[in-house]
Each structure stands twice: as C-alpha cells, then as structure tokens.
C-alpha atoms as a PDB file:
ATOM      1  CA  GLN A   1       3.138  18.862  17.187  1.00  0.00           C
ATOM      2  CA  LEU A   2       2.240  19.998  20.691  1.00  0.00           C
ATOM      3  CA  VAL A   3       0.500  23.356  21.000  1.00  0.00           C
ATOM      4  CA  PRO A   4      -0.249  25.029  24.344  1.00  0.00           C
ATOM      5  CA  LYS A   5      -4.009  25.331  24.711  1.00  0.00           C
ATOM      6  CA  GLU A   6      -4.471  27.230  27.951  1.00  0.00           C
ATOM      7  CA  CYS A   7      -2.746  28.091  31.170  1.00  0.00           C
ATOM      8  CA  GLU A   8      -4.597  28.353  34.449  1.00  0.00           C
ATOM      9  CA  LEU A   9      -3.833  28.985  38.062  1.00  0.00           C
ATOM     10  CA  ARG A  10      -5.824  26.874  40.522  1.00  0.00           C
ATOM     11  CA  ARG A  11      -5.006  26.352  44.172  1.00  0.00           C
ATOM     12  CA  GLY A  12      -1.617  27.939  43.664  1.00  0.00           C
ATOM     13  CA  ILE A  13      -0.567  25.519  40.883  1.00  0.00           C
ATOM     14  CA  GLN A  14       0.046  26.760  37.390  1.00  0.00           C
ATOM     15  CA  TYR A  15      -0.237  24.233  34.578  1.00  0.00           C
ATOM     16  CA  THR A  16      -0.382  24.125  30.827  1.00  0.00           C
ATOM     17  CA  ILE A  17      -2.640  21.896  28.801  1.00  0.00           C
ATOM     18  CA  PHE A  18      -1.187  20.755  25.510  1.00  0.00           C
ATOM     19  CA  GLN A  19      -3.273  19.833  22.512  1.00  0.00           C
ATOM     20  CA  VAL A  20      -1.892  17.473  19.865  1.00  0.00           C
ATOM     21  CA  VAL A  21      -2.201  19.078  16.457  1.00  0.00           C
ATOM     22  CA  SER A  22      -1.533  17.153  13.283  1.00  0.00           C
ATOM     23  CA  LYS A  23      -1.446  18.246   9.697  1.00  0.00           C
ATOM     24  CA  VAL A  24      -2.265  16.365   6.507  1.00  0.00           C
ATOM     25  CA  GLU A  25      -0.323  17.235   3.392  1.00  0.00           C
ATOM     26  CA  PHE A  26      -0.843  15.825  -0.087  1.00  0.00           C
ATOM     27  CA  THR A  27       2.494  14.603  -1.456  1.00  0.00           C
ATOM     28  CA  ASN A  28       1.559  12.895  -4.727  1.00  0.00           C
ATOM     29  CA  LEU A  29      -1.381  11.801  -6.862  1.00  0.00           C
ATOM     30  CA  LYS A  30      -1.299   9.081  -9.526  1.00  0.00           C
ATOM     31  CA  CYS A  31      -4.245   8.205 -11.747  1.00  0.00           C
ATOM     32  CA  THR A  32      -4.062   5.340 -14.234  1.00  0.00           C
ATOM     33  CA  SER A  33      -6.651   4.388 -16.819  1.00  0.00           C
ATOM     34  CA  LEU A  34      -6.271   0.678 -17.615  1.00  0.00           C
ATOM     35  CA  ASP A  35      -8.847   0.665 -20.432  1.00  0.00           C
ATOM     36  CA  ARG A  36      -8.700   3.892 -22.423  1.00  0.00           C
ATOM     37  CA  GLN A  37     -11.640   2.835 -24.574  1.00  0.00           C
ATOM     38  CA  PHE A  38     -13.771   2.726 -21.425  1.00  0.00           C
ATOM     39  CA  SER A  39     -12.499   5.786 -19.544  1.00  0.00           C
ATOM     40  CA  GLU A  40      -9.663   8.269 -19.458  1.00  0.00           C
ATOM     41  CA  PHE A  41      -8.376  10.807 -16.941  1.00  0.00           C
ATOM     42  CA  GLU A  42      -8.750  14.332 -18.286  1.00  0.00           C
ATOM     43  CA  ASP A  43      -7.482  15.806 -15.035  1.00  0.00           C
ATOM     44  CA  CYS A  44      -5.398  14.288 -12.231  1.00  0.00           C
ATOM     45  CA  ASN A  45      -3.604  17.102 -10.460  1.00  0.00           C
ATOM     46  CA  LEU A  46      -2.345  18.356  -7.149  1.00  0.00           C
ATOM     47  CA  LYS A  47      -2.254  22.117  -7.047  1.00  0.00           C
ATOM     48  CA  ALA A  48      -0.364  24.176  -4.501  1.00  0.00           C
ATOM     49  CA  VAL A  49      -1.979  27.590  -4.169  1.00  0.00           C
ATOM     50  CA  ASN A  50       0.718  28.534  -1.651  1.00  0.00           C
ATOM     51  CA  ARG A  51       2.982  26.678   0.779  1.00  0.00           C
ATOM     52  CA  SER A  52       0.178  25.713   3.107  1.00  0.00           C
ATOM     53  CA  PHE A  53      -2.870  25.330   0.813  1.00  0.00           C
ATOM     54  CA  LYS A  54      -3.080  22.390  -1.599  1.00  0.00           C
ATOM     55  CA  TYR A  55      -5.966  20.669  -3.299  1.00  0.00           C
ATOM     56  CA  LEU A  56      -6.472  17.797  -5.693  1.00  0.00           C
ATOM     57  CA  SER A  57      -8.733  17.574  -8.715  1.00  0.00           C
ATOM     58  CA  ILE A  58      -9.668  14.516 -10.749  1.00  0.00           C
ATOM     59  CA  LYS A  59     -11.874  14.262 -13.821  1.00  0.00           C
ATOM     60  CA  VAL A  60     -12.595  10.958 -15.535  1.00  0.00           C
ATOM     61  CA  LYS A  61     -14.133  10.965 -18.995  1.00  0.00           C
ATOM     62  CA  LEU A  62     -16.489   7.987 -19.399  1.00  0.00           C
ATOM     63  CA  TYR A  63     -16.855   6.632 -22.918  1.00  0.00           C
ATOM     64  CA  LYS A  64     -19.212   3.675 -22.438  1.00  0.00           C
ATOM     65  CA  THR A  65     -22.267   4.891 -20.576  1.00  0.00           C
ATOM     66  CA  PRO A  66     -24.537   4.250 -18.809  1.00  0.00           C
ATOM     67  CA  ILE A  67     -22.504   2.399 -16.182  1.00  0.00           C
ATOM     68  CA  THR A  68     -24.695   0.192 -14.022  1.00  0.00           C
ATOM     69  CA  LYS A  69     -22.236  -2.123 -12.248  1.00  0.00           C
ATOM     70  CA  VAL A  70     -19.334  -0.664 -10.270  1.00  0.00           C
ATOM     71  CA  LYS A  71     -17.105  -2.048  -7.537  1.00  0.00           C
ATOM     72  CA  VAL A  72     -14.382  -0.117  -5.756  1.00  0.00           C
ATOM     73  CA  ASN A  73     -11.522  -1.476  -3.671  1.00  0.00           C
ATOM     74  CA  PHE A  74     -10.097   0.982  -1.137  1.00  0.00           C
ATOM     75  CA  ALA A  75      -6.903   0.220   0.743  1.00  0.00           C
ATOM     76  CA  LEU A  76      -4.962   2.305   3.218  1.00  0.00           C
ATOM     77  CA  LEU A  77      -1.236   1.606   3.339  1.00  0.00           C
ATOM     78  CA  LYS A  78       1.418   3.043   5.635  1.00  0.00           C
ATOM     79  CA  ARG A  79       5.048   3.451   4.694  1.00  0.00           C
ATOM     80  CA  PHE A  80       7.316   1.126   6.699  1.00  0.00           C
ATOM     81  CA  GLY A  81      10.307   0.621   4.369  1.00  0.00           C
ATOM     82  CA  GLY A  82       7.791   0.329   1.531  1.00  0.00           C
ATOM     83  CA  TYR A  83       4.013   0.663   1.682  1.00  0.00           C
ATOM     84  CA  LYS A  84       2.388  -2.018   3.852  1.00  0.00           C
ATOM     85  CA  PRO A  85      -1.326  -2.652   4.528  1.00  0.00           C
ATOM     86  CA  PHE A  86      -2.660  -0.500   7.354  1.00  0.00           C
ATOM     87  CA  LEU A  87      -6.142  -0.504   8.852  1.00  0.00           C
ATOM     88  CA  TYR A  88      -8.466  -0.901   5.837  1.00  0.00           C
ATOM     89  CA  ASN A  89      -8.764  -2.910   2.656  1.00  0.00           C
ATOM     90  CA  VAL A  90     -12.395  -3.100   1.584  1.00  0.00           C
ATOM     91  CA  THR A  91     -14.233  -3.778  -1.643  1.00  0.00           C
ATOM     92  CA  VAL A  92     -17.654  -2.253  -2.059  1.00  0.00           C
ATOM     93  CA  ASP A  93     -20.367  -2.661  -4.663  1.00  0.00           C
ATOM     94  CA  ALA A  94     -20.690   1.071  -5.307  1.00  0.00           C
ATOM     95  CA  CYS A  95     -24.180   0.878  -6.795  1.00  0.00           C
ATOM     96  CA  LYS A  96     -25.574  -0.990  -3.766  1.00  0.00           C
ATOM     97  CA  PHE A  97     -23.658   1.195  -1.326  1.00  0.00           C
ATOM     98  CA  LEU A  98     -24.946   4.446  -2.837  1.00  0.00           C
ATOM     99  CA  SER A  99     -28.522   3.172  -2.685  1.00  0.00           C
ATOM    100  CA  SER A 100     -28.060   2.238   1.003  1.00  0.00           C
ATOM    101  CA  PRO A 101     -25.076   4.219   2.360  1.00  0.00           C
ATOM    102  CA  SER A 102     -25.332   3.090   5.969  1.00  0.00           C
ATOM    103  CA  SER A 103     -24.682  -0.525   4.928  1.00  0.00           C
ATOM    104  CA  ASN A 104     -20.917  -0.285   5.465  1.00  0.00           C
ATOM    105  CA  ALA A 105     -19.370   2.014   8.104  1.00  0.00           C
ATOM    106  CA  VAL A 106     -15.865   1.892   6.585  1.00  0.00           C
ATOM    107  CA  ALA A 107     -17.221   2.760   3.136  1.00  0.00           C
ATOM    108  CA  VAL A 108     -19.206   5.638   4.652  1.00  0.00           C
ATOM    109  CA  TYR A 109     -16.034   7.012   6.247  1.00  0.00           C
ATOM    110  CA  ILE A 110     -14.044   6.718   2.992  1.00  0.00           C
ATOM    111  CA  HIS A 111     -16.863   8.182   0.876  1.00  0.00           C
ATOM    112  CA  ASN A 112     -17.155  11.113   3.299  1.00  0.00           C
ATOM    113  CA  LEU A 113     -13.505  11.942   2.561  1.00  0.00           C
ATOM    114  CA  PHE A 114     -14.460  13.192  -0.912  1.00  0.00           C
ATOM    115  CA  LYS A 115     -18.234  13.132  -1.501  1.00  0.00           C
ATOM    116  CA  SER A 116     -18.887  16.827  -0.808  1.00  0.00           C
ATOM    117  CA  TYR A 117     -16.305  17.697  -3.508  1.00  0.00           C
ATOM    118  CA  SER A 118     -17.565  15.146  -6.019  1.00  0.00           C
ATOM    119  CA  ASN A 119     -20.458  14.240  -8.288  1.00  0.00           C
ATOM    120  CA  MET A 120     -20.181  10.596  -7.120  1.00  0.00           C
ATOM    121  CA  ASN A 121     -23.090  11.012  -4.757  1.00  0.00           C
ATOM    122  CA  HIS A 122     -26.029   9.327  -6.451  1.00  0.00           C
ATOM    123  CA  THR A 123     -27.029   5.773  -7.300  1.00  0.00           C
ATOM    124  CA  CYS A 124     -26.258   4.048 -10.571  1.00  0.00           C
ATOM    125  CA  PRO A 125     -26.413   4.437 -13.503  1.00  0.00           C
ATOM    126  CA  TYR A 126     -23.551   6.863 -14.110  1.00  0.00           C
ATOM    127  CA  THR A 127     -23.837   8.688 -17.413  1.00  0.00           C
ATOM    128  CA  ASP A 128     -21.653  11.749 -16.850  1.00  0.00           C
ATOM    129  CA  ASP A 129     -17.944  12.197 -16.290  1.00  0.00           C
ATOM    130  CA  LEU A 130     -16.756  11.534 -12.729  1.00  0.00           C
ATOM    131  CA  ILE A 131     -15.324  14.539 -10.921  1.00  0.00           C
ATOM    132  CA  VAL A 132     -13.565  15.324  -7.666  1.00  0.00           C
ATOM    133  CA  ASP A 133     -13.105  19.096  -7.714  1.00  0.00           C
ATOM    134  CA  LYS A 134     -10.646  20.979  -5.500  1.00  0.00           C
ATOM    135  CA  LEU A 135     -10.567  18.566  -2.562  1.00  0.00           C
ATOM    136  CA  THR A 136      -8.464  20.422   0.002  1.00  0.00           C
ATOM    137  CA  ALA A 137      -5.887  19.012   2.367  1.00  0.00           C
ATOM    138  CA  ASP A 138      -7.610  21.034   5.118  1.00  0.00           C
ATOM    139  CA  PHE A 139     -10.838  19.087   4.626  1.00  0.00           C
ATOM    140  CA  ILE A 140      -8.972  15.755   4.713  1.00  0.00           C
ATOM    141  CA  ASN A 141      -7.089  16.985   7.785  1.00  0.00           C
ATOM    142  CA  THR A 142     -10.387  17.440   9.639  1.00  0.00           C
ATOM    143  CA  GLN A 143     -11.563  13.968   8.631  1.00  0.00           C
ATOM    144  CA  VAL A 144      -8.384  12.124   9.659  1.00  0.00           C
ATOM    145  CA  THR A 145      -7.636  14.039  12.855  1.00  0.00           C
ATOM    146  CA  LYS A 146     -11.053  14.889  14.311  1.00  0.00           C
ATOM    147  CA  VAL A 147     -13.418  12.242  12.964  1.00  0.00           C
ATOM    148  CA  MET A 148     -10.929   9.397  13.412  1.00  0.00           C
ATOM    149  CA  SER A 149      -7.357   9.755  14.644  1.00  0.00           C
ATOM    150  CA  PHE A 150      -4.464   8.498  12.561  1.00  0.00           C
ATOM    151  CA  PRO A 151      -0.833   8.199  13.652  1.00  0.00           C
ATOM    152  CA  PHE A 152       1.859  10.358  12.114  1.00  0.00           C
ATOM    153  CA  GLY A 153       3.571   9.015   9.008  1.00  0.00           C
ATOM    154  CA  GLU A 154       3.405   8.613   5.252  1.00  0.00           C
ATOM    155  CA  PHE A 155       0.284   6.980   3.837  1.00  0.00           C
ATOM    156  CA  LEU A 156      -1.048   5.769   0.505  1.00  0.00           C
ATOM    157  CA  PHE A 157      -4.781   5.794  -0.094  1.00  0.00           C
ATOM    158  CA  GLN A 158      -5.108   3.312  -2.936  1.00  0.00           C
ATOM    159  CA  SER A 159      -8.296   2.766  -4.924  1.00  0.00           C
ATOM    160  CA  GLN A 160      -9.095   0.359  -7.731  1.00  0.00           C
ATOM    161  CA  TRP A 161     -12.200   0.979  -9.820  1.00  0.00           C
ATOM    162  CA  PHE A 162     -13.994  -1.945 -11.471  1.00  0.00           C
ATOM    163  CA  ALA A 163     -16.856  -1.739 -13.960  1.00  0.00           C
ATOM    164  CA  TYR A 164     -18.589  -4.964 -14.959  1.00  0.00           C
ATOM    165  CA  ASP A 165     -15.965  -6.883 -12.899  1.00  0.00           C
ATOM    166  CA  ILE A 166     -13.066  -5.562 -15.016  1.00  0.00           C
ATOM    167  CA  LEU A 167     -10.400  -3.331 -13.445  1.00  0.00           C
ATOM    168  CA  ARG A 168     -10.705  -0.040 -15.330  1.00  0.00           C
ATOM    169  CA  ALA A 169      -8.682   2.495 -13.303  1.00  0.00           C
ATOM    170  CA  THR A 170      -6.554   3.115 -10.238  1.00  0.00           C
ATOM    171  CA  VAL A 171      -6.173   6.277  -8.192  1.00  0.00           C
ATOM    172  CA  ASN A 172      -3.382   6.582  -5.610  1.00  0.00           C
ATOM    173  CA  VAL A 173      -3.316   9.521  -3.214  1.00  0.00           C
ATOM    174  CA  TYR A 174      -0.144   9.922  -1.151  1.00  0.00           C
ATOM    175  CA  VAL A 175      -0.293  11.949   2.074  1.00  0.00           C
ATOM    176  CA  THR A 176       1.923  12.761   5.019  1.00  0.00           C
ATOM    177  CA  ILE A 177       0.442  13.235   8.463  1.00  0.00           C
ATOM    178  CA  SER A 178       2.773  15.196  10.722  1.00  0.00           C
END
C-alpha cells in the first residue's frame, strides 16, 4: 500500500513522497504434538480482539523434564500454488544457541520474532512448560517490515522441535503480508 508521507514545494515544484506500508496478518496457527507422552499443547490459539488486532498464544506442557538436548528446524515458505521454500531453512541446536546467541544471525532474527513474548530465553535445561504469550501481529509486522523487508504474499513459518534427536512437535504459523 502506498501512503503519502509529505508534500513540499521547492523551487516552484510540488512533489509527494510515498512510503510503502505493509501489514502482517495472522491467518492460521497449527500446533501438533507428535509424542503426547513427552509433551502436549495446552494452548495453541489465534485470538482476534477486533478486526485489526490479533495475537497468538502457545503453551506446551512438558512431561519429561529436565530437557537438556533440543534442536529446532525453522523454515520459511511462500505460497506459489502450494507452499514452496523461501529464504530460510535452518536447524539450530537450541541449547548451544541460547548459551551463545550471536553464533547464528538467522537464528537470532527468528528468535527475536518471539523471544520477548516467551519464556524460551534461557539456556538448557528446560524444566517448565514452554510459553509464547500474546504475540501480536503488530510486533511481527515491525520485525518483517522494518528490521528486514519481505515481499507481499502468503507465508508459512514452519518449525519442527526435536528433543534428544526425536521429532516431538511442529508449530506452523500462517501469515499474509499485504
């Protein structure tokens, strides 16, 4: 969307500067526990407070703690007649990353998308339930339009969570950038 930013008159010429404004909107959220004896989703919801304000909340109940070995695969997919790989597909040893966050720039960017709304901000072991609480589309909008630009379209932020090298859960966040 083009929004006029300012109009000025200099040397007899009037002009308008346009600023490109984009908007991120959550469209769907899917959480799947693949080993319900290890963990289970107590909460996996998108909530629309009104037409323009949405947030997501996730709570994972951990049954076998402490957890000392975690890997996460993050992939960004864009919809082109089906979701196709776009930009990133990285796997990170979460325990090593959280002890040395600057070790992977892509992981830092992805972690910054949710860390201020989450309790996943310390090194292993994890002994408590994992929570992402009221992550707003406005916050994500700032991250994907000001920190790093993304094109318009429909995207899937896919994550696979491994503990002890076994896939335990998946979380898929669907967004539209317009």
